[in-house]
Every structure is written in structure tokens, then in C-alpha cells.
All heavy atoms as atom14 arrays in JSON, in Angstrom:
{
  "sequence": "ALASAHPQVVRLADVAEGTFTVQLDNRAANFDRRY",
  "atom14_mask": [
    [1, 1, 1, 1, 1, 0, 0, 0, 0, 0, 0, 0, 0, 0],
    [1, 1, 1, 1, 1, 1, 1, 1, 0, 0, 0, 0, 0, 0],
    [1, 1, 1, 1, 1, 0, 0, 0, 0, 0, 0, 0, 0, 0],
    [1, 1, 1, 1, 1, 1, 0, 0, 0, 0, 0, 0, 0, 0],
    [1, 1, 1, 1, 1, 0, 0, 0, 0, 0, 0, 0, 0, 0],
    [1, 1, 1, 1, 1, 1, 1, 1, 1, 1, 0, 0, 0, 0],
    [1, 1, 1, 1, 1, 1, 1, 0, 0, 0, 0, 0, 0, 0],
    [1, 1, 1, 1, 1, 1, 1, 1, 1, 0, 0, 0, 0, 0],
    [1, 1, 1, 1, 1, 1, 1, 0, 0, 0, 0, 0, 0, 0],
    [1, 1, 1, 1, 1, 1, 1, 0, 0, 0, 0, 0, 0, 0],
    [1, 1, 1, 1, 1, 1, 1, 1, 1, 1, 1, 0, 0, 0],
    [1, 1, 1, 1, 1, 1, 1, 1, 0, 0, 0, 0, 0, 0],
    [1, 1, 1, 1, 1, 0, 0, 0, 0, 0, 0, 0, 0, 0],
    [1, 1, 1, 1, 1, 1, 1, 1, 0, 0, 0, 0, 0, 0],
    [1, 1, 1, 1, 1, 1, 1, 0, 0, 0, 0, 0, 0, 0],
    [1, 1, 1, 1, 1, 0, 0, 0, 0, 0, 0, 0, 0, 0],
    [1, 1, 1, 1, 1, 1, 1, 1, 1, 0, 0, 0, 0, 0],
    [1, 1, 1, 1, 0, 0, 0, 0, 0, 0, 0, 0, 0, 0],
    [1, 1, 1, 1, 1, 1, 1, 0, 0, 0, 0, 0, 0, 0],
    [1, 1, 1, 1, 1, 1, 1, 1, 1, 1, 1, 0, 0, 0],
    [1, 1, 1, 1, 1, 1, 1, 0, 0, 0, 0, 0, 0, 0],
    [1, 1, 1, 1, 1, 1, 1, 0, 0, 0, 0, 0, 0, 0],
    [1, 1, 1, 1, 1, 1, 1, 1, 1, 0, 0, 0, 0, 0],
    [1, 1, 1, 1, 1, 1, 1, 1, 0, 0, 0, 0, 0, 0],
    [1, 1, 1, 1, 1, 1, 1, 1, 0, 0, 0, 0, 0, 0],
    [1, 1, 1, 1, 1, 1, 1, 1, 0, 0, 0, 0, 0, 0],
    [1, 1, 1, 1, 1, 1, 1, 1, 1, 1, 1, 0, 0, 0],
    [1, 1, 1, 1, 1, 0, 0, 0, 0, 0, 0, 0, 0, 0],
    [1, 1, 1, 1, 1, 0, 0, 0, 0, 0, 0, 0, 0, 0],
    [1, 1, 1, 1, 1, 1, 1, 1, 0, 0, 0, 0, 0, 0],
    [1, 1, 1, 1, 1, 1, 1, 1, 1, 1, 1, 0, 0, 0],
    [1, 1, 1, 1, 1, 1, 1, 1, 0, 0, 0, 0, 0, 0],
    [1, 1, 1, 1, 1, 1, 1, 1, 1, 1, 1, 0, 0, 0],
    [1, 1, 1, 1, 1, 1, 1, 1, 1, 1, 1, 0, 0, 0],
    [1, 1, 1, 1, 1, 1, 1, 1, 1, 1, 1, 1, 0, 0]
  ],
  "atom14_positions": [
    [[124.46, 80.2, -36.93], [123.67, 81.42, -37.3], [123.41, 82.24, -35.97], [123.44, 81.73, -34.96], [122.39, 81.11, -38.01], [0.0, 0.0, 0.0], [0.0, 0.0, 0.0], [0.0, 0.0, 0.0], [0.0, 0.0, 0.0], [0.0, 0.0, 0.0], [0.0, 0.0, 0.0], [0.0, 0.0, 0.0], [0.0, 0.0, 0.0], [0.0, 0.0, 0.0]],
    [[123.16, 83.62, -36.17], [122.81, 84.46, -35.14], [121.38, 84.61, -35.09], [120.69, 84.79, -36.13], [123.49, 85.78, -35.32], [125.01, 85.8, -35.31], [125.56, 87.22, -35.61], [125.6, 85.26, -34.03], [0.0, 0.0, 0.0], [0.0, 0.0, 0.0], [0.0, 0.0, 0.0], [0.0, 0.0, 0.0], [0.0, 0.0, 0.0], [0.0, 0.0, 0.0]],
    [[120.76, 84.44, -33.9], [119.32, 84.66, -33.77], [118.91, 85.94, -33.08], [119.64, 86.31, -32.19], [118.72, 83.47, -32.95], [0.0, 0.0, 0.0], [0.0, 0.0, 0.0], [0.0, 0.0, 0.0], [0.0, 0.0, 0.0], [0.0, 0.0, 0.0], [0.0, 0.0, 0.0], [0.0, 0.0, 0.0], [0.0, 0.0, 0.0], [0.0, 0.0, 0.0]],
    [[117.97, 86.6, -33.6], [117.48, 87.89, -32.91], [115.9, 87.93, -33.01], [115.34, 87.24, -33.89], [118.1, 89.04, -33.68], [117.72, 89.1, -35.05], [0.0, 0.0, 0.0], [0.0, 0.0, 0.0], [0.0, 0.0, 0.0], [0.0, 0.0, 0.0], [0.0, 0.0, 0.0], [0.0, 0.0, 0.0], [0.0, 0.0, 0.0], [0.0, 0.0, 0.0]],
    [[115.34, 88.65, -32.17], [113.88, 88.82, -32.14], [113.5, 90.3, -32.25], [114.19, 91.19, -31.73], [113.33, 88.24, -30.8], [0.0, 0.0, 0.0], [0.0, 0.0, 0.0], [0.0, 0.0, 0.0], [0.0, 0.0, 0.0], [0.0, 0.0, 0.0], [0.0, 0.0, 0.0], [0.0, 0.0, 0.0], [0.0, 0.0, 0.0], [0.0, 0.0, 0.0]],
    [[112.35, 90.5, -32.97], [111.91, 91.88, -33.13], [110.45, 91.9, -32.93], [109.64, 91.21, -33.63], [112.25, 92.31, -34.61], [113.64, 92.19, -34.99], [114.62, 93.09, -34.64], [114.33, 91.28, -35.7], [115.74, 92.7, -35.09], [115.61, 91.57, -35.76], [0.0, 0.0, 0.0], [0.0, 0.0, 0.0], [0.0, 0.0, 0.0], [0.0, 0.0, 0.0]],
    [[109.91, 92.61, -31.93], [110.73, 93.33, -30.88], [111.15, 92.27, -29.76], [110.56, 91.21, -29.72], [109.74, 94.34, -30.34], [108.39, 93.7, -30.53], [108.48, 92.89, -31.78], [0.0, 0.0, 0.0], [0.0, 0.0, 0.0], [0.0, 0.0, 0.0], [0.0, 0.0, 0.0], [0.0, 0.0, 0.0], [0.0, 0.0, 0.0], [0.0, 0.0, 0.0]],
    [[112.09, 92.69, -29.04], [112.48, 91.81, -27.91], [111.61, 91.94, -26.67], [111.59, 90.99, -25.91], [113.95, 92.29, -27.48], [114.99, 91.92, -28.52], [116.38, 92.24, -28.04], [116.59, 93.06, -27.22], [117.42, 91.48, -28.66], [0.0, 0.0, 0.0], [0.0, 0.0, 0.0], [0.0, 0.0, 0.0], [0.0, 0.0, 0.0], [0.0, 0.0, 0.0]],
    [[110.81, 93.03, -26.62], [109.9, 93.09, -25.52], [108.45, 93.32, -26.2], [108.19, 94.21, -26.96], [110.14, 94.34, -24.55], [108.96, 94.38, -23.48], [111.5, 94.11, -24.03], [0.0, 0.0, 0.0], [0.0, 0.0, 0.0], [0.0, 0.0, 0.0], [0.0, 0.0, 0.0], [0.0, 0.0, 0.0], [0.0, 0.0, 0.0], [0.0, 0.0, 0.0]],
    [[107.55, 92.3, -25.96], [106.21, 92.34, -26.49], [105.27, 92.74, -25.36], [105.19, 92.05, -24.29], [105.81, 90.99, -27.15], [104.44, 91.16, -27.74], [106.83, 90.58, -28.11], [0.0, 0.0, 0.0], [0.0, 0.0, 0.0], [0.0, 0.0, 0.0], [0.0, 0.0, 0.0], [0.0, 0.0, 0.0], [0.0, 0.0, 0.0], [0.0, 0.0, 0.0]],
    [[104.55, 93.81, -25.56], [103.63, 94.3, -24.49], [102.16, 94.0, -24.93], [101.77, 94.36, -26.05], [103.81, 95.87, -24.38], [105.2, 96.19, -24.0], [105.39, 97.66, -23.7], [106.76, 98.0, -23.37], [107.34, 97.91, -22.27], [106.75, 97.37, -21.21], [108.63, 98.22, -22.02], [0.0, 0.0, 0.0], [0.0, 0.0, 0.0], [0.0, 0.0, 0.0]],
    [[101.43, 93.4, -24.01], [100.05, 93.01, -24.3], [99.19, 93.69, -23.18], [99.46, 93.45, -21.95], [99.87, 91.48, -24.22], [100.68, 90.61, -25.16], [100.36, 89.11, -24.93], [100.41, 91.06, -26.57], [0.0, 0.0, 0.0], [0.0, 0.0, 0.0], [0.0, 0.0, 0.0], [0.0, 0.0, 0.0], [0.0, 0.0, 0.0], [0.0, 0.0, 0.0]],
    [[98.3, 94.49, -23.65], [97.39, 95.24, -22.76], [95.96, 94.7, -23.02], [95.39, 94.91, -24.15], [97.42, 96.73, -22.95], [0.0, 0.0, 0.0], [0.0, 0.0, 0.0], [0.0, 0.0, 0.0], [0.0, 0.0, 0.0], [0.0, 0.0, 0.0], [0.0, 0.0, 0.0], [0.0, 0.0, 0.0], [0.0, 0.0, 0.0], [0.0, 0.0, 0.0]],
    [[95.35, 94.12, -22.0], [94.01, 93.54, -22.07], [93.8, 92.51, -23.23], [92.69, 92.32, -23.56], [93.06, 94.76, -22.24], [93.03, 95.63, -21.01], [93.23, 95.06, -19.87], [92.81, 96.81, -21.22], [0.0, 0.0, 0.0], [0.0, 0.0, 0.0], [0.0, 0.0, 0.0], [0.0, 0.0, 0.0], [0.0, 0.0, 0.0], [0.0, 0.0, 0.0]],
    [[94.79, 91.91, -23.7], [94.79, 90.84, -24.62], [95.74, 89.77, -24.19], [96.69, 89.94, -23.46], [95.12, 91.24, -26.12], [94.14, 92.3, -26.5], [96.5, 91.89, -26.1], [0.0, 0.0, 0.0], [0.0, 0.0, 0.0], [0.0, 0.0, 0.0], [0.0, 0.0, 0.0], [0.0, 0.0, 0.0], [0.0, 0.0, 0.0], [0.0, 0.0, 0.0]],
    [[95.47, 88.51, -24.68], [96.24, 87.44, -24.28], [97.03, 86.8, -25.4], [97.77, 85.8, -25.3], [95.29, 86.24, -23.71], [0.0, 0.0, 0.0], [0.0, 0.0, 0.0], [0.0, 0.0, 0.0], [0.0, 0.0, 0.0], [0.0, 0.0, 0.0], [0.0, 0.0, 0.0], [0.0, 0.0, 0.0], [0.0, 0.0, 0.0], [0.0, 0.0, 0.0]],
    [[96.95, 87.44, -26.67], [97.7, 86.91, -27.81], [98.59, 87.97, -28.37], [98.29, 89.21, -28.29], [96.78, 86.39, -28.87], [95.88, 85.27, -28.43], [94.91, 84.84, -29.48], [94.85, 85.54, -30.55], [94.32, 83.68, -29.34], [0.0, 0.0, 0.0], [0.0, 0.0, 0.0], [0.0, 0.0, 0.0], [0.0, 0.0, 0.0], [0.0, 0.0, 0.0]],
    [[99.65, 87.53, -28.91], [100.59, 88.53, -29.56], [101.48, 87.82, -30.56], [101.43, 86.61, -30.81], [0.0, 0.0, 0.0], [0.0, 0.0, 0.0], [0.0, 0.0, 0.0], [0.0, 0.0, 0.0], [0.0, 0.0, 0.0], [0.0, 0.0, 0.0], [0.0, 0.0, 0.0], [0.0, 0.0, 0.0], [0.0, 0.0, 0.0], [0.0, 0.0, 0.0]],
    [[102.21, 88.66, -31.33], [103.09, 88.2, -32.39], [104.45, 88.9, -32.33], [104.57, 90.06, -31.87], [102.57, 88.28, -33.77], [102.38, 89.66, -34.11], [101.26, 87.57, -33.82], [0.0, 0.0, 0.0], [0.0, 0.0, 0.0], [0.0, 0.0, 0.0], [0.0, 0.0, 0.0], [0.0, 0.0, 0.0], [0.0, 0.0, 0.0], [0.0, 0.0, 0.0]],
    [[105.54, 88.31, -32.82], [106.8, 88.93, -33.03], [107.54, 88.09, -34.11], [107.08, 86.99, -34.52], [107.64, 89.07, -31.77], [107.97, 87.71, -31.03], [109.13, 87.09, -31.37], [107.15, 87.22, -30.17], [109.45, 85.88, -30.82], [107.31, 86.0, -29.5], [108.53, 85.32, -29.86], [0.0, 0.0, 0.0], [0.0, 0.0, 0.0], [0.0, 0.0, 0.0]],
    [[108.74, 88.58, -34.53], [109.44, 87.97, -35.6], [110.83, 87.51, -35.11], [111.47, 88.24, -34.36], [109.67, 88.98, -36.69], [108.38, 89.38, -37.18], [110.34, 88.29, -37.96], [0.0, 0.0, 0.0], [0.0, 0.0, 0.0], [0.0, 0.0, 0.0], [0.0, 0.0, 0.0], [0.0, 0.0, 0.0], [0.0, 0.0, 0.0], [0.0, 0.0, 0.0]],
    [[111.18, 86.3, -35.47], [112.49, 85.79, -35.2], [113.32, 85.75, -36.53], [112.82, 85.29, -37.53], [112.47, 84.32, -34.62], [113.87, 83.73, -34.49], [111.87, 84.41, -33.22], [0.0, 0.0, 0.0], [0.0, 0.0, 0.0], [0.0, 0.0, 0.0], [0.0, 0.0, 0.0], [0.0, 0.0, 0.0], [0.0, 0.0, 0.0], [0.0, 0.0, 0.0]],
    [[114.56, 86.29, -36.49], [115.44, 86.31, -37.66], [116.64, 85.48, -37.33], [117.3, 85.63, -36.27], [115.82, 87.75, -38.0], [116.59, 87.87, -39.23], [117.14, 89.27, -39.55], [117.91, 89.79, -38.84], [116.55, 89.91, -40.59], [0.0, 0.0, 0.0], [0.0, 0.0, 0.0], [0.0, 0.0, 0.0], [0.0, 0.0, 0.0], [0.0, 0.0, 0.0]],
    [[117.06, 84.72, -38.28], [118.33, 83.94, -38.32], [119.22, 84.46, -39.36], [118.9, 84.55, -40.49], [118.05, 82.45, -38.48], [117.17, 81.64, -37.47], [116.93, 80.33, -37.8], [117.78, 81.83, -36.04], [0.0, 0.0, 0.0], [0.0, 0.0, 0.0], [0.0, 0.0, 0.0], [0.0, 0.0, 0.0], [0.0, 0.0, 0.0], [0.0, 0.0, 0.0]],
    [[120.54, 84.77, -38.95], [121.49, 85.4, -39.75], [122.61, 84.38, -40.02], [123.36, 84.02, -39.16], [122.0, 86.67, -39.09], [122.89, 87.48, -40.11], [123.32, 86.89, -41.07], [123.17, 88.59, -39.71], [0.0, 0.0, 0.0], [0.0, 0.0, 0.0], [0.0, 0.0, 0.0], [0.0, 0.0, 0.0], [0.0, 0.0, 0.0], [0.0, 0.0, 0.0]],
    [[122.76, 84.01, -41.33], [123.74, 82.99, -41.72], [124.82, 83.63, -42.67], [125.4, 82.99, -43.45], [123.15, 81.83, -42.42], [124.0, 80.61, -42.57], [124.86, 80.34, -41.66], [123.88, 79.89, -43.7], [0.0, 0.0, 0.0], [0.0, 0.0, 0.0], [0.0, 0.0, 0.0], [0.0, 0.0, 0.0], [0.0, 0.0, 0.0], [0.0, 0.0, 0.0]],
    [[124.92, 84.91, -42.6], [125.86, 85.6, -43.51], [127.31, 85.31, -43.28], [128.09, 85.58, -44.19], [125.63, 87.06, -43.43], [124.26, 87.51, -44.14], [124.04, 89.04, -44.07], [123.71, 89.35, -42.64], [123.31, 90.6, -42.28], [123.16, 91.6, -43.1], [122.92, 90.8, -41.03], [0.0, 0.0, 0.0], [0.0, 0.0, 0.0], [0.0, 0.0, 0.0]],
    [[127.67, 84.79, -42.15], [129.02, 84.41, -41.86], [129.42, 83.05, -42.27], [130.52, 82.63, -42.17], [129.37, 84.62, -40.28], [0.0, 0.0, 0.0], [0.0, 0.0, 0.0], [0.0, 0.0, 0.0], [0.0, 0.0, 0.0], [0.0, 0.0, 0.0], [0.0, 0.0, 0.0], [0.0, 0.0, 0.0], [0.0, 0.0, 0.0], [0.0, 0.0, 0.0]],
    [[128.45, 82.23, -42.79], [128.72, 80.87, -43.16], [128.51, 80.69, -44.66], [127.69, 81.47, -45.29], [127.82, 79.84, -42.43], [0.0, 0.0, 0.0], [0.0, 0.0, 0.0], [0.0, 0.0, 0.0], [0.0, 0.0, 0.0], [0.0, 0.0, 0.0], [0.0, 0.0, 0.0], [0.0, 0.0, 0.0], [0.0, 0.0, 0.0], [0.0, 0.0, 0.0]],
    [[129.21, 79.78, -45.22], [129.2, 79.52, -46.74], [128.45, 78.39, -47.07], [128.53, 77.88, -48.22], [130.54, 79.51, -47.34], [131.35, 78.31, -46.94], [130.94, 77.65, -46.03], [132.44, 77.92, -47.64], [0.0, 0.0, 0.0], [0.0, 0.0, 0.0], [0.0, 0.0, 0.0], [0.0, 0.0, 0.0], [0.0, 0.0, 0.0], [0.0, 0.0, 0.0]],
    [[127.5, 77.84, -46.26], [126.83, 76.62, -46.62], [125.39, 76.75, -45.98], [125.17, 77.55, -44.96], [127.42, 75.34, -46.08], [127.7, 75.34, -44.59], [126.73, 74.69, -43.71], [128.79, 75.93, -44.0], [126.92, 74.65, -42.37], [128.97, 75.87, -42.65], [128.08, 75.26, -41.81], [0.0, 0.0, 0.0], [0.0, 0.0, 0.0], [0.0, 0.0, 0.0]],
    [[124.39, 76.07, -46.6], [122.99, 76.14, -46.16], [122.79, 75.51, -44.91], [123.48, 74.46, -44.55], [122.13, 75.55, -47.21], [122.09, 76.28, -48.5], [122.6, 77.41, -48.55], [121.75, 75.68, -49.51], [0.0, 0.0, 0.0], [0.0, 0.0, 0.0], [0.0, 0.0, 0.0], [0.0, 0.0, 0.0], [0.0, 0.0, 0.0], [0.0, 0.0, 0.0]],
    [[121.84, 75.94, -44.04], [121.52, 75.31, -42.88], [119.94, 75.16, -42.77], [119.23, 75.88, -43.35], [121.9, 76.09, -41.59], [123.39, 76.26, -41.48], [123.74, 77.16, -40.27], [125.1, 77.35, -40.07], [125.99, 76.67, -39.39], [125.49, 75.52, -38.81], [127.21, 77.03, -39.29], [0.0, 0.0, 0.0], [0.0, 0.0, 0.0], [0.0, 0.0, 0.0]],
    [[119.46, 74.16, -41.99], [118.08, 73.94, -41.75], [117.87, 73.96, -40.24], [118.4, 73.07, -39.6], [117.58, 72.68, -42.35], [116.13, 72.35, -41.91], [115.46, 71.25, -42.81], [115.05, 71.72, -44.09], [114.22, 71.08, -44.85], [113.77, 69.87, -44.47], [113.87, 71.62, -45.98], [0.0, 0.0, 0.0], [0.0, 0.0, 0.0], [0.0, 0.0, 0.0]],
    [[117.1, 74.89, -39.79], [116.87, 74.98, -38.33], [115.33, 74.62, -38.04], [114.45, 75.06, -38.78], [117.1, 76.35, -37.83], [118.57, 76.68, -37.7], [119.28, 77.36, -38.67], [119.27, 76.33, -36.57], [120.52, 77.68, -38.54], [120.67, 76.57, -36.48], [121.33, 77.34, -37.45], [122.63, 77.58, -37.32], [0.0, 0.0, 0.0], [0.0, 0.0, 0.0]]
  ]
}
């Protein structure tokens, strides 16, 4: 699978915590995967 992050750059101003999203793309394979 292909892995991507959104956003790729996380900016934190005056805070110490943040969040972002990781996406796994399995559209090129014909079987299930568990990561």
C-alpha cells in the first residue's frame, strides 16, 4: 500500500500538541491487508 500524510507539515504555534491524518492506499492490490 501507499502511505501519505495530510498535512505533511504540521505547524504548532505556542502549543505542544497537534494532529494529522495518515492514509493507506490499497487500490493497486486485490487482497485485504492489516497494518
